Amino acid sequence: MTIQHLTQRELPDLIEGCRRGQETARKAFYERFYGYALSVCLAYADNREDARELLNDGFLKAFRSLHELKNPEAVLPWLRRILVNTALDAYRKNRHRRHEISTEAVADQLVEPYQNDEAILAQLSAEHILAALHQLPTPYRLVFSLYVLEGYSHREIANHLNLAESTSRAHLTEANRLLRRALATQTTDHHARTNR
């Protein structure tokens, strides 16, 4: 049996080993869920190095709170919630160092009409989409990720990020506009390179 191919019967044993503090079980858990955790953290971090830091902090919190996981089959949503909360904690901790975006500046922007999003996304890899997401200022990226990826409401986002609901909405609008522009540019560049 490899770590990557755990069966549903082996997962509860692995989690129980982690609860008992077994290093081999913790290592196996980390390796098994590393890819998933990194994909979550990349949506919230400024770069891969920061994503790995969030991931490691998240795993430490997960190991400390494994007693809260009642159903081993729910490990992915449980771990995702821990990782997202870890990212939010990091943002709040470092918020004073970040450049804040004025709501008035966003409100004055013209919202571009919707382009053919499905056609744009079909031509791009996850790597391209993630690169476009990382071009967004951190507040925009966080609001976009929480709203689109996690399904949070603007009220929940406002509470987590300590901002007004109207600011959350404005950040989402601007994030969508900037992402569309970046993805359309990447599609055009990709199309030009492949047709040479």
C-alpha atoms as a PDB file:
ATOM      1  CA  MET A   1       0.000   0.000   0.000  1.00  0.00           C
ATOM      2  CA  THR A   2       1.307   3.461  -0.870  1.00  0.00           C
ATOM      3  CA  ILE A   3       0.401   6.580   1.042  1.00  0.00           C
ATOM      4  CA  GLN A   4      -1.313   8.056  -2.015  1.00  0.00           C
ATOM      5  CA  HIS A   5      -3.672   5.076  -2.370  1.00  0.00           C
ATOM      6  CA  LEU A   6      -5.344   4.849   1.016  1.00  0.00           C
ATOM      7  CA  THR A   7      -8.597   2.960   1.079  1.00  0.00           C
ATOM      8  CA  GLN A   8     -11.562   4.201   3.070  1.00  0.00           C
ATOM      9  CA  ARG A   9     -10.805   1.568   5.746  1.00  0.00           C
ATOM     10  CA  GLU A  10      -7.190   2.706   6.076  1.00  0.00           C
ATOM     11  CA  LEU A  11      -8.033   6.407   6.460  1.00  0.00           C
ATOM     12  CA  PRO A  12      -9.611   6.012   9.943  1.00  0.00           C
ATOM     13  CA  ASP A  13      -6.508   4.085  11.075  1.00  0.00           C
ATOM     14  CA  LEU A  14      -4.253   6.845   9.737  1.00  0.00           C
ATOM     15  CA  ILE A  15      -6.286   9.530  11.510  1.00  0.00           C
ATOM     16  CA  GLU A  16      -6.272   7.538  14.746  1.00  0.00           C
ATOM     17  CA  GLY A  17      -2.485   7.208  14.492  1.00  0.00           C
ATOM     18  CA  CYS A  18      -2.235  10.994  14.101  1.00  0.00           C
ATOM     19  CA  ARG A  19      -4.455  11.504  17.144  1.00  0.00           C
ATOM     20  CA  ARG A  20      -2.079   9.311  19.153  1.00  0.00           C
ATOM     21  CA  GLY A  21       0.867  11.438  17.989  1.00  0.00           C
ATOM     22  CA  GLN A  22       2.535   8.763  15.844  1.00  0.00           C
ATOM     23  CA  GLU A  23       5.116  10.496  13.650  1.00  0.00           C
ATOM     24  CA  THR A  24       4.783   7.950  10.834  1.00  0.00           C
ATOM     25  CA  ALA A  25       1.020   8.512  10.732  1.00  0.00           C
ATOM     26  CA  ARG A  26       1.441  12.299  10.747  1.00  0.00           C
ATOM     27  CA  LYS A  27       3.995  12.095   7.951  1.00  0.00           C
ATOM     28  CA  ALA A  28       1.677   9.847   5.929  1.00  0.00           C
ATOM     29  CA  PHE A  29      -1.272  12.211   6.545  1.00  0.00           C
ATOM     30  CA  TYR A  30       0.818  15.225   5.489  1.00  0.00           C
ATOM     31  CA  GLU A  31       2.033  13.507   2.327  1.00  0.00           C
ATOM     32  CA  ARG A  32      -1.427  12.194   1.468  1.00  0.00           C
ATOM     33  CA  PHE A  33      -3.132  15.587   1.708  1.00  0.00           C
ATOM     34  CA  TYR A  34      -0.220  17.856   0.741  1.00  0.00           C
ATOM     35  CA  GLY A  35      -1.356  18.411  -2.877  1.00  0.00           C
ATOM     36  CA  TYR A  36      -4.917  19.170  -1.860  1.00  0.00           C
ATOM     37  CA  ALA A  37      -3.798  21.527   0.918  1.00  0.00           C
ATOM     38  CA  LEU A  38      -1.362  23.344  -1.364  1.00  0.00           C
ATOM     39  CA  SER A  39      -4.089  23.927  -3.953  1.00  0.00           C
ATOM     40  CA  VAL A  40      -6.268  25.530  -1.249  1.00  0.00           C
ATOM     41  CA  CYS A  41      -3.444  27.686   0.122  1.00  0.00           C
ATOM     42  CA  LEU A  42      -2.322  28.908  -3.293  1.00  0.00           C
ATOM     43  CA  ALA A  43      -5.649  30.703  -3.717  1.00  0.00           C
ATOM     44  CA  TYR A  44      -4.979  32.763  -0.579  1.00  0.00           C
ATOM     45  CA  ALA A  45      -1.205  33.258  -0.570  1.00  0.00           C
ATOM     46  CA  ASP A  46       0.817  35.834  -2.480  1.00  0.00           C
ATOM     47  CA  ASN A  47       3.235  33.175  -3.777  1.00  0.00           C
ATOM     48  CA  ARG A  48       4.215  29.504  -3.430  1.00  0.00           C
ATOM     49  CA  GLU A  49       6.510  30.150  -0.484  1.00  0.00           C
ATOM     50  CA  ASP A  50       3.731  31.882   1.457  1.00  0.00           C
ATOM     51  CA  ALA A  51       1.331  29.092   0.440  1.00  0.00           C
ATOM     52  CA  ARG A  52       3.694  26.481   1.902  1.00  0.00           C
ATOM     53  CA  GLU A  53       3.930  28.494   5.117  1.00  0.00           C
ATOM     54  CA  LEU A  54       0.123  28.613   5.352  1.00  0.00           C
ATOM     55  CA  LEU A  55      -0.002  24.899   4.561  1.00  0.00           C
ATOM     56  CA  ASN A  56       2.451  24.004   7.333  1.00  0.00           C
ATOM     57  CA  ASP A  57       0.668  26.226   9.861  1.00  0.00           C
ATOM     58  CA  GLY A  58      -2.631  24.672   8.772  1.00  0.00           C
ATOM     59  CA  PHE A  59      -1.346  21.125   9.215  1.00  0.00           C
ATOM     60  CA  LEU A  60      -0.078  21.957  12.709  1.00  0.00           C
ATOM     61  CA  LYS A  61      -3.544  23.272  13.609  1.00  0.00           C
ATOM     62  CA  ALA A  62      -5.143  20.201  12.027  1.00  0.00           C
ATOM     63  CA  PHE A  63      -3.009  17.823  14.090  1.00  0.00           C
ATOM     64  CA  ARG A  64      -3.920  19.727  17.264  1.00  0.00           C
ATOM     65  CA  SER A  65      -7.647  19.582  16.489  1.00  0.00           C
ATOM     66  CA  LEU A  66      -8.011  16.082  15.018  1.00  0.00           C
ATOM     67  CA  HIS A  67     -10.170  15.176  18.021  1.00  0.00           C
ATOM     68  CA  GLU A  68     -12.871  17.430  16.474  1.00  0.00           C
ATOM     69  CA  LEU A  69     -13.024  15.346  13.282  1.00  0.00           C
ATOM     70  CA  LYS A  70     -15.890  12.946  13.952  1.00  0.00           C
ATOM     71  CA  ASN A  71     -16.222  11.453  10.475  1.00  0.00           C
ATOM     72  CA  PRO A  72     -12.965  10.484   8.671  1.00  0.00           C
ATOM     73  CA  GLU A  73     -14.788  10.716   5.328  1.00  0.00           C
ATOM     74  CA  ALA A  74     -15.260  14.449   5.952  1.00  0.00           C
ATOM     75  CA  VAL A  75     -11.512  15.036   6.223  1.00  0.00           C
ATOM     76  CA  LEU A  76     -11.260  17.192   3.080  1.00  0.00           C
ATOM     77  CA  PRO A  77     -13.883  19.822   3.996  1.00  0.00           C
ATOM     78  CA  TRP A  78     -12.608  19.771   7.588  1.00  0.00           C
ATOM     79  CA  LEU A  79      -9.002  20.340   6.446  1.00  0.00           C
ATOM     80  CA  ARG A  80     -10.095  22.990   3.927  1.00  0.00           C
ATOM     81  CA  ARG A  81     -11.880  24.970   6.654  1.00  0.00           C
ATOM     82  CA  ILE A  82      -8.731  24.871   8.814  1.00  0.00           C
ATOM     83  CA  LEU A  83      -6.536  26.012   5.909  1.00  0.00           C
ATOM     84  CA  VAL A  84      -8.872  28.867   4.950  1.00  0.00           C
ATOM     85  CA  ASN A  85      -9.088  30.005   8.577  1.00  0.00           C
ATOM     86  CA  THR A  86      -5.283  29.849   8.785  1.00  0.00           C
ATOM     87  CA  ALA A  87      -5.053  32.070   5.690  1.00  0.00           C
ATOM     88  CA  LEU A  88      -7.557  34.527   7.187  1.00  0.00           C
ATOM     89  CA  ASP A  89      -5.613  34.612  10.468  1.00  0.00           C
ATOM     90  CA  ALA A  90      -2.391  35.349   8.564  1.00  0.00           C
ATOM     91  CA  TYR A  91      -4.092  38.115   6.591  1.00  0.00           C
ATOM     92  CA  ARG A  92      -5.479  39.762   9.729  1.00  0.00           C
ATOM     93  CA  LYS A  93      -2.099  39.473  11.466  1.00  0.00           C
ATOM     94  CA  ASN A  94      -0.250  41.106   8.561  1.00  0.00           C
ATOM     95  CA  ARG A  95      -3.000  43.496   7.492  1.00  0.00           C
ATOM     96  CA  HIS A  96      -1.258  46.573   8.866  1.00  0.00           C
ATOM     97  CA  ARG A  97       1.679  45.897   6.500  1.00  0.00           C
ATOM     98  CA  ARG A  98      -0.492  45.528   3.421  1.00  0.00           C
ATOM     99  CA  HIS A  99      -1.572  48.274   1.085  1.00  0.00           C
ATOM    100  CA  GLU A 100      -5.279  48.842   1.557  1.00  0.00           C
ATOM    101  CA  ILE A 101      -7.489  49.673  -1.394  1.00  0.00           C
ATOM    102  CA  SER A 102      -9.887  52.573  -1.240  1.00  0.00           C
ATOM    103  CA  THR A 103     -13.528  51.706  -1.855  1.00  0.00           C
ATOM    104  CA  GLU A 104     -13.966  55.011  -3.679  1.00  0.00           C
ATOM    105  CA  ALA A 105     -11.259  54.034  -6.181  1.00  0.00           C
ATOM    106  CA  VAL A 106     -13.121  50.809  -6.939  1.00  0.00           C
ATOM    107  CA  ALA A 107     -16.513  52.484  -7.143  1.00  0.00           C
ATOM    108  CA  ASP A 108     -15.245  54.909  -9.805  1.00  0.00           C
ATOM    109  CA  GLN A 109     -14.117  52.089 -12.086  1.00  0.00           C
ATOM    110  CA  LEU A 110     -16.312  51.166 -15.007  1.00  0.00           C
ATOM    111  CA  VAL A 111     -17.374  47.546 -14.893  1.00  0.00           C
ATOM    112  CA  GLU A 112     -16.562  45.811 -18.172  1.00  0.00           C
ATOM    113  CA  PRO A 113     -19.295  43.752 -19.792  1.00  0.00           C
ATOM    114  CA  TYR A 114     -19.089  40.009 -19.267  1.00  0.00           C
ATOM    115  CA  GLN A 115     -16.984  38.277 -21.853  1.00  0.00           C
ATOM    116  CA  ASN A 116     -17.370  34.659 -22.874  1.00  0.00           C
ATOM    117  CA  ASP A 117     -15.912  33.276 -19.628  1.00  0.00           C
ATOM    118  CA  GLU A 118     -16.360  29.606 -20.551  1.00  0.00           C
ATOM    119  CA  ALA A 119     -14.434  30.038 -23.804  1.00  0.00           C
ATOM    120  CA  ILE A 120     -11.662  31.869 -21.986  1.00  0.00           C
ATOM    121  CA  LEU A 121     -11.392  29.268 -19.208  1.00  0.00           C
ATOM    122  CA  ALA A 122     -11.475  26.345 -21.648  1.00  0.00           C
ATOM    123  CA  GLN A 123      -8.261  27.574 -23.255  1.00  0.00           C
ATOM    124  CA  LEU A 124      -6.348  28.056 -20.019  1.00  0.00           C
ATOM    125  CA  SER A 125      -4.735  25.654 -17.588  1.00  0.00           C
ATOM    126  CA  ALA A 126      -5.197  25.823 -13.829  1.00  0.00           C
ATOM    127  CA  GLU A 127      -1.676  27.279 -13.710  1.00  0.00           C
ATOM    128  CA  HIS A 128      -2.734  30.196 -15.941  1.00  0.00           C
ATOM    129  CA  ILE A 129      -5.840  30.857 -13.855  1.00  0.00           C
ATOM    130  CA  LEU A 130      -3.828  30.745 -10.626  1.00  0.00           C
ATOM    131  CA  ALA A 131      -1.262  33.149 -12.128  1.00  0.00           C
ATOM    132  CA  ALA A 132      -4.079  35.575 -12.973  1.00  0.00           C
ATOM    133  CA  LEU A 133      -5.497  35.210  -9.463  1.00  0.00           C
ATOM    134  CA  HIS A 134      -2.078  36.075  -7.992  1.00  0.00           C
ATOM    135  CA  GLN A 135      -1.988  39.314  -9.990  1.00  0.00           C
ATOM    136  CA  LEU A 136      -4.897  40.600  -7.906  1.00  0.00           C
ATOM    137  CA  PRO A 137      -4.200  42.778  -4.872  1.00  0.00           C
ATOM    138  CA  THR A 138      -4.512  40.654  -1.728  1.00  0.00           C
ATOM    139  CA  PRO A 139      -7.867  42.080  -0.538  1.00  0.00           C
ATOM    140  CA  TYR A 140      -9.436  41.388  -3.952  1.00  0.00           C
ATOM    141  CA  ARG A 141      -7.984  37.876  -4.073  1.00  0.00           C
ATOM    142  CA  LEU A 142      -9.225  37.046  -0.581  1.00  0.00           C
ATOM    143  CA  VAL A 143     -12.748  38.309  -1.240  1.00  0.00           C
ATOM    144  CA  PHE A 144     -12.868  36.518  -4.600  1.00  0.00           C
ATOM    145  CA  SER A 145     -11.596  33.241  -3.119  1.00  0.00           C
ATOM    146  CA  LEU A 146     -13.909  33.357  -0.117  1.00  0.00           C
ATOM    147  CA  TYR A 147     -16.948  34.200  -2.243  1.00  0.00           C
ATOM    148  CA  VAL A 148     -16.305  31.998  -5.277  1.00  0.00           C
ATOM    149  CA  LEU A 149     -14.310  29.069  -3.871  1.00  0.00           C
ATOM    150  CA  GLU A 150     -15.723  28.822  -0.355  1.00  0.00           C
ATOM    151  CA  GLY A 151     -19.259  30.112  -0.905  1.00  0.00           C
ATOM    152  CA  TYR A 152     -19.101  32.730   1.855  1.00  0.00           C
ATOM    153  CA  SER A 153     -21.682  35.527   1.824  1.00  0.00           C
ATOM    154  CA  HIS A 154     -20.585  39.163   1.733  1.00  0.00           C
ATOM    155  CA  ARG A 155     -21.684  39.480   5.356  1.00  0.00           C
ATOM    156  CA  GLU A 156     -19.427  36.563   6.375  1.00  0.00           C
ATOM    157  CA  ILE A 157     -16.529  37.950   4.346  1.00  0.00           C
ATOM    158  CA  ALA A 158     -16.998  41.380   5.915  1.00  0.00           C
ATOM    159  CA  ASN A 159     -16.888  39.810   9.395  1.00  0.00           C
ATOM    160  CA  HIS A 160     -13.774  37.731   8.633  1.00  0.00           C
ATOM    161  CA  LEU A 161     -11.846  40.567   6.997  1.00  0.00           C
ATOM    162  CA  ASN A 162     -13.179  43.379   9.200  1.00  0.00           C
ATOM    163  CA  LEU A 163     -14.591  45.472   6.376  1.00  0.00           C
ATOM    164  CA  ALA A 164     -17.974  46.738   5.231  1.00  0.00           C
ATOM    165  CA  GLU A 165     -20.251  44.489   3.168  1.00  0.00           C
ATOM    166  CA  SER A 166     -20.270  47.144   0.455  1.00  0.00           C
ATOM    167  CA  THR A 167     -16.460  46.983   0.349  1.00  0.00           C
ATOM    168  CA  SER A 168     -16.629  43.208  -0.014  1.00  0.00           C
ATOM    169  CA  ARG A 169     -19.015  43.598  -2.957  1.00  0.00           C
ATOM    170  CA  ALA A 170     -16.841  46.281  -4.525  1.00  0.00           C
ATOM    171  CA  HIS A 171     -13.718  44.126  -4.127  1.00  0.00           C
ATOM    172  CA  LEU A 172     -15.490  41.180  -5.767  1.00  0.00           C
ATOM    173  CA  THR A 173     -16.632  43.323  -8.687  1.00  0.00           C
ATOM    174  CA  GLU A 174     -13.137  44.672  -9.229  1.00  0.00           C
ATOM    175  CA  ALA A 175     -11.564  41.208  -8.812  1.00  0.00           C
ATOM    176  CA  ASN A 176     -13.906  39.832 -11.475  1.00  0.00           C
ATOM    177  CA  ARG A 177     -13.079  42.698 -13.830  1.00  0.00           C
ATOM    178  CA  LEU A 178      -9.326  42.354 -13.356  1.00  0.00           C
ATOM    179  CA  LEU A 179      -9.440  38.563 -13.652  1.00  0.00           C
ATOM    180  CA  ARG A 180     -11.433  38.710 -16.881  1.00  0.00           C
ATOM    181  CA  ARG A 181      -8.956  41.152 -18.329  1.00  0.00           C
ATOM    182  CA  ALA A 182      -5.948  39.073 -17.236  1.00  0.00           C
ATOM    183  CA  LEU A 183      -7.460  35.798 -18.461  1.00  0.00           C
ATOM    184  CA  ALA A 184      -8.497  37.310 -21.793  1.00  0.00           C
ATOM    185  CA  THR A 185      -4.946  38.616 -22.242  1.00  0.00           C
ATOM    186  CA  GLN A 186      -3.482  35.211 -21.394  1.00  0.00           C
ATOM    187  CA  THR A 187      -5.856  33.550 -23.860  1.00  0.00           C
ATOM    188  CA  THR A 188      -4.842  35.973 -26.607  1.00  0.00           C
ATOM    189  CA  ASP A 189      -1.122  35.482 -25.821  1.00  0.00           C
ATOM    190  CA  HIS A 190      -1.525  31.678 -25.698  1.00  0.00           C
ATOM    191  CA  HIS A 191      -3.461  31.676 -28.988  1.00  0.00           C
ATOM    192  CA  ALA A 192      -0.798  33.855 -30.671  1.00  0.00           C
ATOM    193  CA  ARG A 193       2.027  31.556 -29.523  1.00  0.00           C
ATOM    194  CA  THR A 194       0.321  28.348 -30.647  1.00  0.00           C
ATOM    195  CA  ASN A 195      -0.588  29.716 -34.090  1.00  0.00           C
ATOM    196  CA  ARG A 196       2.931  30.756 -35.059  1.00  0.00           C
END
